[in-house]
Amino acid sequence: MLSFRIILVEPEHPHNVGFVARAMRCNALPDLHIVYDSRTTVMDESYHTAHSSKDVLENAKVTSTLEEALSGCAFAVAFSRRRYDSVLPHVLLPALCPKLPREGKVALVFGRESKGLTIEEIEHCALICEIPVPGLMSMNLAQAVAVSSYELCRAGLLSGSGERDDRAPLVSGQVEKADLSQIESFLGFIQANLTDRYQKLPWTEASVRGLLQRFQPTRFEMDAIFGLARSLAKSSARSEKNDHI
């Protein structure tokens, strides 16, 4: 079974740690390790930005070295946009997932906001991953964790599909396709309300029928179109009546 650990190496801004916890909570990633050189607990300020994610911070492990944080992991990925002269393979984030092992705990290692990871820290990992962005800057720490976590989710490597079980189901008409009887009923109404000019064109009904079948509207959408047509027909009838007064 494949699982993941997020490791933050000496994060400099406590609010970023809270935002990281929130990103992890959104992606069902509970395992957070933080490397602090002189601190033994998560700072109080981090809880201010950890909306609905305080459990991630409460269960976070604080260590004094990266080696300790990596304990229990079978594979580690260093996230960095800097190019180092290293023998480690370099991969862009969209191509990361196929490079990961099929089982074991994988550590995703993120560095300091100001200067990232050192080459010594990177060489504790098996792979260097870069999040490709067109600008010259790199992402904020919390943004980097969120984007990387979502890539794992998108690849189906995290528990669950991302769909919530507590959401009310969609109204059936919003997802069911309109059947041909609905379309024919609509066409009959349109044909009955066309002006003489269009009633004399034999291709009008066939054209609209083909268009609707190609678009494959849902029952909800077909009802909306039908309602709009009825409203326009009533407006036209009222206007014509007023013209004769």
C-alpha atoms as a PDB file:
ATOM      1  CA  MET A   1       0.000   0.000   0.000  1.00  0.00           C
ATOM      2  CA  LEU A   2       1.271   3.474  -0.901  1.00  0.00           C
ATOM      3  CA  SER A   3       1.057   6.313   1.630  1.00  0.00           C
ATOM      4  CA  PHE A   4       2.562   9.774   1.925  1.00  0.00           C
ATOM      5  CA  ARG A   5       4.248  12.019   4.480  1.00  0.00           C
ATOM      6  CA  ILE A   6       4.664  15.762   4.103  1.00  0.00           C
ATOM      7  CA  ILE A   7       7.951  17.071   5.535  1.00  0.00           C
ATOM      8  CA  LEU A   8       8.561  20.795   6.007  1.00  0.00           C
ATOM      9  CA  VAL A   9      12.174  21.707   6.587  1.00  0.00           C
ATOM     10  CA  GLU A  10      12.502  24.758   8.837  1.00  0.00           C
ATOM     11  CA  PRO A  11       9.426  26.665   7.662  1.00  0.00           C
ATOM     12  CA  GLU A  12       9.908  30.363   8.412  1.00  0.00           C
ATOM     13  CA  HIS A  13       6.311  31.608   8.558  1.00  0.00           C
ATOM     14  CA  PRO A  14       3.915  29.913  11.008  1.00  0.00           C
ATOM     15  CA  HIS A  15       0.826  30.840   8.974  1.00  0.00           C
ATOM     16  CA  ASN A  16       2.223  28.845   6.049  1.00  0.00           C
ATOM     17  CA  VAL A  17       2.351  25.763   8.255  1.00  0.00           C
ATOM     18  CA  GLY A  18      -1.351  26.230   8.988  1.00  0.00           C
ATOM     19  CA  PHE A  19      -2.151  26.585   5.298  1.00  0.00           C
ATOM     20  CA  VAL A  20      -0.139  23.426   4.602  1.00  0.00           C
ATOM     21  CA  ALA A  21      -2.220  21.574   7.193  1.00  0.00           C
ATOM     22  CA  ARG A  22      -5.395  22.746   5.467  1.00  0.00           C
ATOM     23  CA  ALA A  23      -4.124  21.569   2.071  1.00  0.00           C
ATOM     24  CA  MET A  24      -3.249  18.213   3.586  1.00  0.00           C
ATOM     25  CA  ARG A  25      -6.658  17.878   5.233  1.00  0.00           C
ATOM     26  CA  CYS A  26      -8.367  18.596   1.914  1.00  0.00           C
ATOM     27  CA  ASN A  27      -6.418  15.765   0.300  1.00  0.00           C
ATOM     28  CA  ALA A  28      -6.735  13.227   3.144  1.00  0.00           C
ATOM     29  CA  LEU A  29      -3.032  13.455   4.037  1.00  0.00           C
ATOM     30  CA  PRO A  30      -2.695  13.242   7.839  1.00  0.00           C
ATOM     31  CA  ASP A  31       1.058  12.629   8.228  1.00  0.00           C
ATOM     32  CA  LEU A  32       2.976  15.894   8.770  1.00  0.00           C
ATOM     33  CA  HIS A  33       6.579  16.139   9.996  1.00  0.00           C
ATOM     34  CA  ILE A  34       8.289  19.475  10.634  1.00  0.00           C
ATOM     35  CA  VAL A  35      12.033  19.930  10.988  1.00  0.00           C
ATOM     36  CA  TYR A  36      12.884  22.719  13.449  1.00  0.00           C
ATOM     37  CA  ASP A  37      16.419  23.245  14.670  1.00  0.00           C
ATOM     38  CA  SER A  38      15.487  24.669  18.063  1.00  0.00           C
ATOM     39  CA  ARG A  39      11.725  24.264  18.518  1.00  0.00           C
ATOM     40  CA  THR A  40       9.864  21.249  19.841  1.00  0.00           C
ATOM     41  CA  THR A  41       6.240  22.169  19.113  1.00  0.00           C
ATOM     42  CA  VAL A  42       4.132  23.718  16.375  1.00  0.00           C
ATOM     43  CA  MET A  43       3.791  27.478  16.883  1.00  0.00           C
ATOM     44  CA  ASP A  44       0.411  28.799  18.038  1.00  0.00           C
ATOM     45  CA  GLU A  45       0.165  31.130  15.036  1.00  0.00           C
ATOM     46  CA  SER A  46      -0.047  28.105  12.722  1.00  0.00           C
ATOM     47  CA  TYR A  47      -3.437  27.186  14.160  1.00  0.00           C
ATOM     48  CA  HIS A  48      -4.921  30.498  13.014  1.00  0.00           C
ATOM     49  CA  THR A  49      -4.752  29.455   9.343  1.00  0.00           C
ATOM     50  CA  ALA A  50      -5.428  25.735   9.787  1.00  0.00           C
ATOM     51  CA  HIS A  51      -9.177  25.979   9.209  1.00  0.00           C
ATOM     52  CA  SER A  52     -10.818  22.632  10.086  1.00  0.00           C
ATOM     53  CA  SER A  53      -7.315  21.134  10.061  1.00  0.00           C
ATOM     54  CA  LYS A  54      -6.098  21.517  13.639  1.00  0.00           C
ATOM     55  CA  ASP A  55      -5.926  17.751  14.024  1.00  0.00           C
ATOM     56  CA  VAL A  56      -3.172  17.662  11.395  1.00  0.00           C
ATOM     57  CA  LEU A  57      -1.128  20.138  13.445  1.00  0.00           C
ATOM     58  CA  GLU A  58      -1.898  18.433  16.738  1.00  0.00           C
ATOM     59  CA  ASN A  59      -0.626  15.127  15.367  1.00  0.00           C
ATOM     60  CA  ALA A  60       2.369  16.623  13.563  1.00  0.00           C
ATOM     61  CA  LYS A  61       5.781  15.298  14.567  1.00  0.00           C
ATOM     62  CA  VAL A  62       8.484  17.902  15.209  1.00  0.00           C
ATOM     63  CA  THR A  63      12.058  16.705  14.760  1.00  0.00           C
ATOM     64  CA  SER A  64      15.453  18.412  14.892  1.00  0.00           C
ATOM     65  CA  THR A  65      16.874  16.776  11.751  1.00  0.00           C
ATOM     66  CA  LEU A  66      15.663  15.720   8.326  1.00  0.00           C
ATOM     67  CA  GLU A  67      17.031  12.242   8.949  1.00  0.00           C
ATOM     68  CA  GLU A  68      14.619  11.824  11.873  1.00  0.00           C
ATOM     69  CA  ALA A  69      11.692  13.109   9.805  1.00  0.00           C
ATOM     70  CA  LEU A  70      12.487  10.576   7.071  1.00  0.00           C
ATOM     71  CA  SER A  71      12.493   7.670   9.508  1.00  0.00           C
ATOM     72  CA  GLY A  72       9.978   5.039   8.428  1.00  0.00           C
ATOM     73  CA  CYS A  73       9.809   6.230   4.826  1.00  0.00           C
ATOM     74  CA  ALA A  74      10.867   4.042   1.924  1.00  0.00           C
ATOM     75  CA  PHE A  75      11.233   6.777  -0.705  1.00  0.00           C
ATOM     76  CA  ALA A  76      11.689  10.555  -0.611  1.00  0.00           C
ATOM     77  CA  VAL A  77      11.065  13.330  -3.136  1.00  0.00           C
ATOM     78  CA  ALA A  78      12.723  16.728  -2.752  1.00  0.00           C
ATOM     79  CA  PHE A  79      10.747  19.654  -4.131  1.00  0.00           C
ATOM     80  CA  SER A  80      12.928  22.387  -5.551  1.00  0.00           C
ATOM     81  CA  ARG A  81      12.919  24.783  -8.465  1.00  0.00           C
ATOM     82  CA  ARG A  82      16.628  25.372  -8.216  1.00  0.00           C
ATOM     83  CA  ARG A  83      18.815  23.238 -10.455  1.00  0.00           C
ATOM     84  CA  TYR A  84      21.618  21.596  -8.505  1.00  0.00           C
ATOM     85  CA  ASP A  85      24.604  19.720  -9.851  1.00  0.00           C
ATOM     86  CA  SER A  86      23.400  16.380  -8.549  1.00  0.00           C
ATOM     87  CA  VAL A  87      23.259  12.815  -9.794  1.00  0.00           C
ATOM     88  CA  LEU A  88      19.651  12.593  -8.651  1.00  0.00           C
ATOM     89  CA  PRO A  89      17.054  12.384 -11.433  1.00  0.00           C
ATOM     90  CA  HIS A  90      14.976  15.510 -12.019  1.00  0.00           C
ATOM     91  CA  VAL A  91      11.269  15.351 -12.890  1.00  0.00           C
ATOM     92  CA  LEU A  92       8.478  17.856 -13.416  1.00  0.00           C
ATOM     93  CA  LEU A  93       5.416  17.471 -11.194  1.00  0.00           C
ATOM     94  CA  PRO A  94       3.002  16.239 -13.944  1.00  0.00           C
ATOM     95  CA  ALA A  95       5.396  13.325 -14.573  1.00  0.00           C
ATOM     96  CA  LEU A  96       6.058  12.505 -10.907  1.00  0.00           C
ATOM     97  CA  CYS A  97       3.440   9.870 -10.110  1.00  0.00           C
ATOM     98  CA  PRO A  98       4.679   7.169 -12.521  1.00  0.00           C
ATOM     99  CA  LYS A  99       8.134   7.510 -10.929  1.00  0.00           C
ATOM    100  CA  LEU A 100       6.880   6.671  -7.434  1.00  0.00           C
ATOM    101  CA  PRO A 101       7.085   3.170  -5.947  1.00  0.00           C
ATOM    102  CA  ARG A 102       3.951   1.063  -5.794  1.00  0.00           C
ATOM    103  CA  GLU A 103       4.026   0.573  -2.042  1.00  0.00           C
ATOM    104  CA  GLY A 104       5.594   1.939   1.113  1.00  0.00           C
ATOM    105  CA  LYS A 105       5.612   5.426   2.630  1.00  0.00           C
ATOM    106  CA  VAL A 106       6.770   8.244   0.365  1.00  0.00           C
ATOM    107  CA  ALA A 107       8.083  11.486   1.877  1.00  0.00           C
ATOM    108  CA  LEU A 108       7.440  14.738   0.025  1.00  0.00           C
ATOM    109  CA  VAL A 109      10.075  17.165   1.292  1.00  0.00           C
ATOM    110  CA  PHE A 110       9.632  20.942   1.059  1.00  0.00           C
ATOM    111  CA  GLY A 111      12.199  23.560   2.054  1.00  0.00           C
ATOM    112  CA  ARG A 112      12.315  27.013   3.559  1.00  0.00           C
ATOM    113  CA  GLU A 113      10.293  29.852   2.047  1.00  0.00           C
ATOM    114  CA  SER A 114      13.371  32.023   1.518  1.00  0.00           C
ATOM    115  CA  LYS A 115      15.930  29.564   0.178  1.00  0.00           C
ATOM    116  CA  GLY A 116      14.375  26.133  -0.177  1.00  0.00           C
ATOM    117  CA  LEU A 117      16.357  22.980   0.488  1.00  0.00           C
ATOM    118  CA  THR A 118      20.129  22.723   0.638  1.00  0.00           C
ATOM    119  CA  ILE A 119      21.960  20.317  -1.653  1.00  0.00           C
ATOM    120  CA  GLU A 120      22.789  18.180   1.394  1.00  0.00           C
ATOM    121  CA  GLU A 121      19.103  17.903   2.266  1.00  0.00           C
ATOM    122  CA  ILE A 122      18.141  17.146  -1.322  1.00  0.00           C
ATOM    123  CA  GLU A 123      20.647  14.299  -1.451  1.00  0.00           C
ATOM    124  CA  HIS A 124      18.742  12.537   1.326  1.00  0.00           C
ATOM    125  CA  CYS A 125      16.047  11.989  -1.306  1.00  0.00           C
ATOM    126  CA  ALA A 126      15.814   9.756  -4.372  1.00  0.00           C
ATOM    127  CA  LEU A 127      14.265  12.287  -6.741  1.00  0.00           C
ATOM    128  CA  ILE A 128      14.097  16.028  -7.338  1.00  0.00           C
ATOM    129  CA  CYS A 129      10.677  17.339  -8.380  1.00  0.00           C
ATOM    130  CA  GLU A 130       9.995  20.759  -9.865  1.00  0.00           C
ATOM    131  CA  ILE A 131       6.583  22.404 -10.067  1.00  0.00           C
ATOM    132  CA  PRO A 132       6.669  24.028 -13.514  1.00  0.00           C
ATOM    133  CA  VAL A 133       5.442  27.626 -13.651  1.00  0.00           C
ATOM    134  CA  PRO A 134       6.085  30.076 -16.508  1.00  0.00           C
ATOM    135  CA  GLY A 135       7.314  32.939 -14.316  1.00  0.00           C
ATOM    136  CA  LEU A 136      10.697  33.363 -12.680  1.00  0.00           C
ATOM    137  CA  MET A 137       9.405  32.937  -9.126  1.00  0.00           C
ATOM    138  CA  SER A 138       8.606  29.757  -7.268  1.00  0.00           C
ATOM    139  CA  MET A 139       5.362  28.982  -5.466  1.00  0.00           C
ATOM    140  CA  ASN A 140       4.608  29.802  -1.858  1.00  0.00           C
ATOM    141  CA  LEU A 141       5.229  26.848   0.471  1.00  0.00           C
ATOM    142  CA  ALA A 142       1.547  26.150   1.119  1.00  0.00           C
ATOM    143  CA  GLN A 143       0.710  26.539  -2.579  1.00  0.00           C
ATOM    144  CA  ALA A 144       3.426  24.038  -3.476  1.00  0.00           C
ATOM    145  CA  VAL A 145       2.069  21.477  -1.015  1.00  0.00           C
ATOM    146  CA  ALA A 146      -1.501  22.030  -2.243  1.00  0.00           C
ATOM    147  CA  VAL A 147      -0.601  21.652  -5.926  1.00  0.00           C
ATOM    148  CA  SER A 148       1.554  18.582  -5.287  1.00  0.00           C
ATOM    149  CA  SER A 149      -1.128  16.955  -3.132  1.00  0.00           C
ATOM    150  CA  TYR A 150      -3.746  17.557  -5.779  1.00  0.00           C
ATOM    151  CA  GLU A 151      -1.513  15.917  -8.396  1.00  0.00           C
ATOM    152  CA  LEU A 152      -1.434  12.799  -6.216  1.00  0.00           C
ATOM    153  CA  CYS A 153      -5.207  12.986  -5.835  1.00  0.00           C
ATOM    154  CA  ARG A 154      -5.709  13.433  -9.572  1.00  0.00           C
ATOM    155  CA  ALA A 155      -3.563  10.367 -10.222  1.00  0.00           C
ATOM    156  CA  GLY A 156      -5.719   8.301  -7.853  1.00  0.00           C
ATOM    157  CA  LEU A 157      -2.916   7.739  -5.322  1.00  0.00           C
ATOM    158  CA  LEU A 158      -4.764   9.162  -2.319  1.00  0.00           C
ATOM    159  CA  SER A 159      -7.596   7.522  -0.399  1.00  0.00           C
ATOM    160  CA  GLY A 160     -11.001   8.342  -1.853  1.00  0.00           C
ATOM    161  CA  SER A 161     -11.865   9.857  -5.212  1.00  0.00           C
ATOM    162  CA  GLY A 162     -12.320  13.406  -3.973  1.00  0.00           C
ATOM    163  CA  GLU A 163     -16.119  13.144  -4.009  1.00  0.00           C
ATOM    164  CA  ARG A 164     -17.899  13.806  -0.744  1.00  0.00           C
ATOM    165  CA  ASP A 165     -20.430  11.316   0.572  1.00  0.00           C
ATOM    166  CA  ASP A 166     -22.380  13.933   2.528  1.00  0.00           C
ATOM    167  CA  ARG A 167     -23.519  15.926  -0.487  1.00  0.00           C
ATOM    168  CA  ALA A 168     -27.134  15.718  -1.543  1.00  0.00           C
ATOM    169  CA  PRO A 169     -27.531  13.938  -4.890  1.00  0.00           C
ATOM    170  CA  LEU A 170     -28.203  16.029  -7.962  1.00  0.00           C
ATOM    171  CA  VAL A 171     -31.769  16.321  -9.165  1.00  0.00           C
ATOM    172  CA  SER A 172     -32.206  13.461 -11.627  1.00  0.00           C
ATOM    173  CA  GLY A 173     -33.401  15.765 -14.393  1.00  0.00           C
ATOM    174  CA  GLN A 174     -30.110  17.643 -14.224  1.00  0.00           C
ATOM    175  CA  VAL A 175     -28.137  14.588 -15.295  1.00  0.00           C
ATOM    176  CA  GLU A 176     -30.575  12.439 -17.287  1.00  0.00           C
ATOM    177  CA  LYS A 177     -30.557  13.057 -21.014  1.00  0.00           C
ATOM    178  CA  ALA A 178     -33.740  14.299 -22.635  1.00  0.00           C
ATOM    179  CA  ASP A 179     -35.486  11.558 -24.589  1.00  0.00           C
ATOM    180  CA  LEU A 180     -36.854  11.926 -28.100  1.00  0.00           C
ATOM    181  CA  SER A 181     -40.435  12.369 -26.887  1.00  0.00           C
ATOM    182  CA  GLN A 182     -39.397  15.564 -25.081  1.00  0.00           C
ATOM    183  CA  ILE A 183     -37.657  16.828 -28.178  1.00  0.00           C
ATOM    184  CA  GLU A 184     -40.644  16.007 -30.390  1.00  0.00           C
ATOM    185  CA  SER A 185     -43.012  17.751 -27.978  1.00  0.00           C
ATOM    186  CA  PHE A 186     -40.828  20.837 -28.117  1.00  0.00           C
ATOM    187  CA  LEU A 187     -40.679  20.702 -31.926  1.00  0.00           C
ATOM    188  CA  GLY A 188     -44.465  20.426 -32.105  1.00  0.00           C
ATOM    189  CA  PHE A 189     -44.815  23.553 -29.998  1.00  0.00           C
ATOM    190  CA  ILE A 190     -42.262  25.436 -32.073  1.00  0.00           C
ATOM    191  CA  GLN A 191     -43.935  24.392 -35.319  1.00  0.00           C
ATOM    192  CA  ALA A 192     -47.321  25.582 -34.037  1.00  0.00           C
ATOM    193  CA  ASN A 193     -45.909  28.997 -33.167  1.00  0.00           C
ATOM    194  CA  LEU A 194     -43.696  29.681 -36.167  1.00  0.00           C
ATOM    195  CA  THR A 195     -44.520  32.550 -38.466  1.00  0.00           C
ATOM    196  CA  ASP A 196     -45.863  31.706 -41.915  1.00  0.00           C
ATOM    197  CA  ARG A 197     -42.457  32.350 -43.443  1.00  0.00           C
ATOM    198  CA  TYR A 198     -40.755  29.590 -41.448  1.00  0.00           C
ATOM    199  CA  GLN A 199     -43.659  27.169 -41.576  1.00  0.00           C
ATOM    200  CA  LYS A 200     -43.163  27.026 -45.323  1.00  0.00           C
ATOM    201  CA  LEU A 201     -39.538  25.874 -44.953  1.00  0.00           C
ATOM    202  CA  PRO A 202     -39.540  22.044 -44.758  1.00  0.00           C
ATOM    203  CA  TRP A 203     -36.007  21.846 -43.399  1.00  0.00           C
ATOM    204  CA  THR A 204     -36.681  23.921 -40.250  1.00  0.00           C
ATOM    205  CA  GLU A 205     -38.040  21.098 -38.073  1.00  0.00           C
ATOM    206  CA  ALA A 206     -35.433  18.590 -39.237  1.00  0.00           C
ATOM    207  CA  SER A 207     -32.618  21.069 -38.614  1.00  0.00           C
ATOM    208  CA  VAL A 208     -33.711  21.826 -35.053  1.00  0.00           C
ATOM    209  CA  ARG A 209     -34.294  18.118 -34.348  1.00  0.00           C
ATOM    210  CA  GLY A 210     -30.784  17.239 -35.532  1.00  0.00           C
ATOM    211  CA  LEU A 211     -29.276  20.100 -33.557  1.00  0.00           C
ATOM    212  CA  LEU A 212     -30.916  19.044 -30.297  1.00  0.00           C
ATOM    213  CA  GLN A 213     -29.978  15.396 -30.748  1.00  0.00           C
ATOM    214  CA  ARG A 214     -26.344  16.332 -31.351  1.00  0.00           C
ATOM    215  CA  PHE A 215     -26.269  18.595 -28.280  1.00  0.00           C
ATOM    216  CA  GLN A 216     -27.873  15.888 -26.104  1.00  0.00           C
ATOM    217  CA  PRO A 217     -29.501  18.277 -23.602  1.00  0.00           C
ATOM    218  CA  THR A 218     -30.509  16.981 -20.176  1.00  0.00           C
ATOM    219  CA  ARG A 219     -34.178  16.799 -19.177  1.00  0.00           C
ATOM    220  CA  PHE A 220     -33.621  19.873 -17.001  1.00  0.00           C
ATOM    221  CA  GLU A 221     -32.117  21.820 -19.917  1.00  0.00           C
ATOM    222  CA  MET A 222     -34.881  20.722 -22.261  1.00  0.00           C
ATOM    223  CA  ASP A 223     -37.500  21.919 -19.779  1.00  0.00           C
ATOM    224  CA  ALA A 224     -35.702  25.258 -19.546  1.00  0.00           C
ATOM    225  CA  ILE A 225     -35.633  25.663 -23.341  1.00  0.00           C
ATOM    226  CA  PHE A 226     -39.305  24.713 -23.566  1.00  0.00           C
ATOM    227  CA  GLY A 227     -40.219  27.217 -20.852  1.00  0.00           C
ATOM    228  CA  LEU A 228     -38.288  29.958 -22.596  1.00  0.00           C
ATOM    229  CA  ALA A 229     -40.037  29.207 -25.888  1.00  0.00           C
ATOM    230  CA  ARG A 230     -43.471  29.344 -24.191  1.00  0.00           C
ATOM    231  CA  SER A 231     -42.596  32.681 -22.606  1.00  0.00           C
ATOM    232  CA  LEU A 232     -41.458  34.133 -25.920  1.00  0.00           C
ATOM    233  CA  ALA A 233     -44.601  32.854 -27.638  1.00  0.00           C
ATOM    234  CA  LYS A 234     -46.823  34.540 -25.015  1.00  0.00           C
ATOM    235  CA  SER A 235     -44.872  37.808 -25.311  1.00  0.00           C
ATOM    236  CA  SER A 236     -45.264  37.718 -29.074  1.00  0.00           C
ATOM    237  CA  ALA A 237     -49.029  37.060 -28.785  1.00  0.00           C
ATOM    238  CA  ARG A 238     -49.473  39.982 -26.368  1.00  0.00           C
ATOM    239  CA  SER A 239     -47.486  42.258 -28.626  1.00  0.00           C
ATOM    240  CA  GLU A 240     -49.579  41.291 -31.649  1.00  0.00           C
ATOM    241  CA  LYS A 241     -52.807  41.880 -29.713  1.00  0.00           C
ATOM    242  CA  ASN A 242     -51.634  45.348 -28.641  1.00  0.00           C
ATOM    243  CA  ASP A 243     -50.762  46.229 -32.252  1.00  0.00           C
ATOM    244  CA  HIS A 244     -54.397  45.651 -33.230  1.00  0.00           C
ATOM    245  CA  ILE A 245     -55.897  47.815 -30.471  1.00  0.00           C
END
